[in-house]
Amino acid sequence: MQGYSRFTLLPAFIALFTLAACGPSQQEREEALLGAAEQGNVPAVVELLGDETNVDARDICYFTPLIKAAGAGRLETVELLLESGADVDAADKGGYTALLLAASNNHLEVVERLLAAGADIDHQEATEGWSALIWTANLGHTEVVALLLAHGADASLRDLEGRSALQWARQNGHAEIVGLLLASGAQ
């Protein structure tokens, strides 16, 4: 440390010590909340929300903790975030919501909880124009399709290519879903 005395380095040491004592920044807490939500780490989510971290923090793609938890099927975390005031219909850059990701990943209980919280059942994402019903009919998630229909999902919605949930189910050979959709009045 030639040319430096301990008095020259003292201000830098004090600044570093002060930063360390202040704890993580708001951005660091928000990043930690996003990760903890996706992992279903409830104790970490509770602690981070206790630090008044924004429950609707967003990453670079505009994912929120709720979107991440729902997409990963983390029911307990989804419930905690909703109870903490998370926006149930927040959407990422592509228009994907927690409901769309939970439904597409076949997380039935999470879909039920999001619907109970008032999630927009007919929201269509921006990239393909898919609703939760179109997406689940396409993928063959029979129980989620049945749940969405029971909650009044609009089977007449069409994606950006003009295809309905019924057309997707037929194209992919999901006979049971075709029957559910026809019974609901889909055409």
Protein backbone atom coordinates (compact mmCIF):
# COMPACT_ATOMS: atom_id res chain seq x y z
CA MET A 1 0.00 0.00 0.00
CA GLN A 2 2.76 2.31 -0.99
CA GLY A 3 1.73 5.98 -0.95
CA TYR A 4 -1.31 5.38 1.25
CA SER A 5 -1.51 6.01 4.93
CA ARG A 6 -4.16 4.58 7.16
CA PHE A 7 -5.64 8.09 7.33
CA THR A 8 -6.03 8.22 3.54
CA LEU A 9 -7.95 4.93 3.55
CA LEU A 10 -10.11 5.78 6.56
CA PRO A 11 -12.90 7.60 4.64
CA ALA A 12 -13.26 4.66 2.22
CA PHE A 13 -13.38 2.20 5.12
CA ILE A 14 -16.06 4.27 6.89
CA ALA A 15 -18.16 4.46 3.70
CA LEU A 16 -17.89 0.69 3.18
CA PHE A 17 -18.75 0.00 6.83
CA THR A 18 -21.77 2.35 6.61
CA LEU A 19 -23.08 0.62 3.47
CA ALA A 20 -22.70 -2.80 5.04
CA ALA A 21 -24.51 -1.65 8.18
CA CYS A 22 -27.45 -0.28 6.17
CA GLY A 23 -28.25 -3.70 4.73
CA PRO A 24 -29.26 -4.59 1.21
CA SER A 25 -30.64 -1.99 -1.18
CA GLN A 26 -34.28 -1.91 -2.24
CA GLN A 27 -33.28 -3.43 -5.60
CA GLU A 28 -31.39 -6.24 -3.87
CA ARG A 29 -34.41 -6.96 -1.64
CA GLU A 30 -36.73 -7.00 -4.65
CA GLU A 31 -34.43 -9.39 -6.54
CA ALA A 32 -34.28 -11.61 -3.47
CA LEU A 33 -38.10 -11.56 -3.20
CA LEU A 34 -38.47 -12.59 -6.84
CA GLY A 35 -36.09 -15.51 -6.33
CA ALA A 36 -37.63 -16.60 -3.03
CA ALA A 37 -41.14 -16.51 -4.53
CA GLU A 38 -40.13 -18.67 -7.47
CA GLN A 39 -38.42 -21.16 -5.15
CA GLY A 40 -41.37 -21.23 -2.76
CA ASN A 41 -39.16 -20.10 0.12
CA VAL A 42 -41.97 -18.89 2.39
CA PRO A 43 -39.78 -17.81 5.35
CA ALA A 44 -37.65 -15.65 3.05
CA VAL A 45 -40.75 -14.15 1.40
CA VAL A 46 -42.20 -13.32 4.84
CA GLU A 47 -38.94 -11.70 5.93
CA LEU A 48 -38.55 -9.70 2.74
CA LEU A 49 -42.14 -8.47 2.81
CA GLY A 50 -41.56 -7.50 6.44
CA ASP A 51 -38.80 -5.18 5.21
CA GLU A 52 -41.49 -3.34 3.23
CA THR A 53 -40.19 -4.68 -0.06
CA ASN A 54 -42.58 -3.98 -2.93
CA VAL A 55 -44.85 -7.04 -3.23
CA ASP A 56 -45.19 -6.27 -6.95
CA ALA A 57 -41.46 -5.85 -7.62
CA ARG A 58 -40.53 -6.57 -11.22
CA ASP A 59 -37.54 -8.07 -12.95
CA ILE A 60 -36.24 -7.08 -16.37
CA CYS A 61 -39.07 -9.00 -18.10
CA TYR A 62 -41.64 -7.48 -15.69
CA PHE A 63 -42.24 -10.75 -13.87
CA THR A 64 -43.59 -10.14 -10.36
CA PRO A 65 -43.12 -12.46 -7.38
CA LEU A 66 -46.72 -13.65 -7.86
CA ILE A 67 -46.15 -14.48 -11.53
CA LYS A 68 -43.00 -16.42 -10.63
CA ALA A 69 -44.62 -18.29 -7.73
CA ALA A 70 -47.73 -19.17 -9.75
CA GLY A 71 -45.74 -20.39 -12.74
CA ALA A 72 -43.71 -22.63 -10.43
CA GLY A 73 -46.82 -23.97 -8.67
CA ARG A 74 -45.90 -22.53 -5.25
CA LEU A 75 -49.40 -22.43 -3.70
CA GLU A 76 -48.37 -21.34 -0.18
CA THR A 77 -46.26 -18.53 -1.61
CA VAL A 78 -49.07 -17.48 -3.96
CA GLU A 79 -51.44 -17.28 -0.98
CA LEU A 80 -48.95 -15.24 1.05
CA LEU A 81 -48.34 -12.80 -1.80
CA LEU A 82 -52.07 -12.36 -2.44
CA GLU A 83 -52.68 -11.74 1.27
CA SER A 84 -49.90 -9.15 1.13
CA GLY A 85 -51.70 -7.26 -1.63
CA ALA A 86 -50.04 -8.58 -4.80
CA ASP A 87 -51.74 -7.50 -8.02
CA VAL A 88 -53.44 -10.70 -9.20
CA ASP A 89 -53.59 -9.46 -12.81
CA ALA A 90 -50.09 -7.97 -13.15
CA ALA A 91 -48.64 -8.94 -16.52
CA ASP A 92 -45.10 -9.30 -17.82
CA LYS A 93 -43.79 -7.74 -21.03
CA GLY A 94 -45.60 -10.37 -23.13
CA GLY A 95 -48.87 -9.95 -21.29
CA TYR A 96 -48.51 -13.18 -19.30
CA THR A 97 -50.22 -13.17 -15.91
CA ALA A 98 -49.96 -15.46 -12.90
CA LEU A 99 -53.15 -17.23 -14.02
CA LEU A 100 -51.85 -17.87 -17.53
CA LEU A 101 -48.61 -19.37 -16.23
CA ALA A 102 -50.26 -21.44 -13.51
CA ALA A 103 -52.81 -22.82 -15.99
CA SER A 104 -50.25 -23.56 -18.70
CA ASN A 105 -48.10 -25.43 -16.17
CA ASN A 106 -51.12 -27.45 -14.96
CA HIS A 107 -51.05 -26.11 -11.39
CA LEU A 108 -54.73 -26.71 -10.61
CA GLU A 109 -54.71 -25.54 -6.96
CA VAL A 110 -52.87 -22.36 -7.85
CA VAL A 111 -55.37 -21.66 -10.64
CA GLU A 112 -58.21 -22.16 -8.13
CA ARG A 113 -56.61 -19.72 -5.69
CA LEU A 114 -55.98 -17.08 -8.34
CA LEU A 115 -59.57 -17.34 -9.57
CA ALA A 116 -60.80 -16.99 -5.97
CA ALA A 117 -58.71 -13.81 -5.75
CA GLY A 118 -60.48 -12.40 -8.82
CA ALA A 119 -57.94 -13.08 -11.58
CA ASP A 120 -59.15 -12.10 -15.06
CA ILE A 121 -60.10 -15.51 -16.42
CA ASP A 122 -60.25 -14.34 -20.05
CA HIS A 123 -57.06 -12.27 -20.19
CA GLN A 124 -55.19 -12.89 -23.45
CA GLU A 125 -51.41 -12.56 -23.62
CA ALA A 126 -49.89 -10.41 -26.35
CA THR A 127 -47.58 -12.85 -28.18
CA GLU A 128 -50.12 -15.43 -29.41
CA GLY A 129 -53.37 -14.05 -28.03
CA TRP A 130 -53.89 -17.11 -25.86
CA SER A 131 -56.19 -17.11 -22.87
CA ALA A 132 -55.77 -19.62 -20.04
CA LEU A 133 -58.51 -21.74 -21.64
CA ILE A 134 -56.91 -21.75 -25.09
CA TRP A 135 -53.53 -22.59 -23.62
CA THR A 136 -54.75 -25.44 -21.43
CA ALA A 137 -56.94 -26.89 -24.18
CA ASN A 138 -53.92 -26.87 -26.48
CA LEU A 139 -51.73 -28.62 -23.88
CA GLY A 140 -54.34 -31.16 -22.79
CA HIS A 141 -54.73 -30.07 -19.15
CA THR A 142 -58.22 -31.53 -18.71
CA GLU A 143 -58.76 -30.67 -15.02
CA VAL A 144 -57.68 -27.06 -15.51
CA VAL A 145 -59.91 -26.74 -18.59
CA ALA A 146 -62.86 -28.08 -16.56
CA LEU A 147 -62.10 -25.63 -13.73
CA LEU A 148 -61.85 -22.67 -16.10
CA LEU A 149 -65.12 -23.60 -17.78
CA ALA A 150 -66.83 -24.01 -14.39
CA HIS A 151 -65.71 -20.46 -13.55
CA GLY A 152 -67.14 -19.07 -16.78
CA ALA A 153 -64.15 -18.88 -19.11
CA ASP A 154 -65.19 -17.64 -22.55
CA ALA A 155 -64.79 -20.56 -24.94
CA SER A 156 -65.53 -18.32 -27.93
CA LEU A 157 -62.28 -16.35 -27.57
CA ARG A 158 -59.85 -16.70 -30.46
CA ASP A 159 -56.08 -16.30 -30.53
CA LEU A 160 -54.20 -14.04 -32.94
CA GLU A 161 -54.44 -16.73 -35.65
CA GLY A 162 -58.21 -16.96 -35.19
CA ARG A 163 -58.19 -20.34 -33.41
CA SER A 164 -60.36 -21.18 -30.43
CA ALA A 165 -59.72 -23.53 -27.52
CA LEU A 166 -61.94 -26.10 -29.26
CA GLN A 167 -59.87 -25.95 -32.43
CA TRP A 168 -56.64 -26.38 -30.48
CA ALA A 169 -58.05 -29.33 -28.52
CA ARG A 170 -59.25 -31.02 -31.72
CA GLN A 171 -55.95 -30.40 -33.51
CA ASN A 172 -54.03 -32.02 -30.66
CA GLY A 173 -56.37 -34.97 -30.16
CA HIS A 174 -57.59 -34.04 -26.68
CA ALA A 175 -60.99 -35.79 -26.99
CA GLU A 176 -62.05 -35.31 -23.36
CA ILE A 177 -61.37 -31.59 -23.59
CA VAL A 178 -63.25 -31.39 -26.90
CA GLY A 179 -66.22 -32.96 -25.08
CA LEU A 180 -65.98 -30.48 -22.20
CA LEU A 181 -65.82 -27.56 -24.59
CA LEU A 182 -68.75 -28.79 -26.68
CA ALA A 183 -70.80 -29.35 -23.52
CA SER A 184 -70.08 -25.74 -22.53
CA GLY A 185 -71.48 -24.50 -25.83
CA ALA A 186 -68.21 -23.93 -27.66
CA GLN A 187 -68.35 -23.95 -31.43
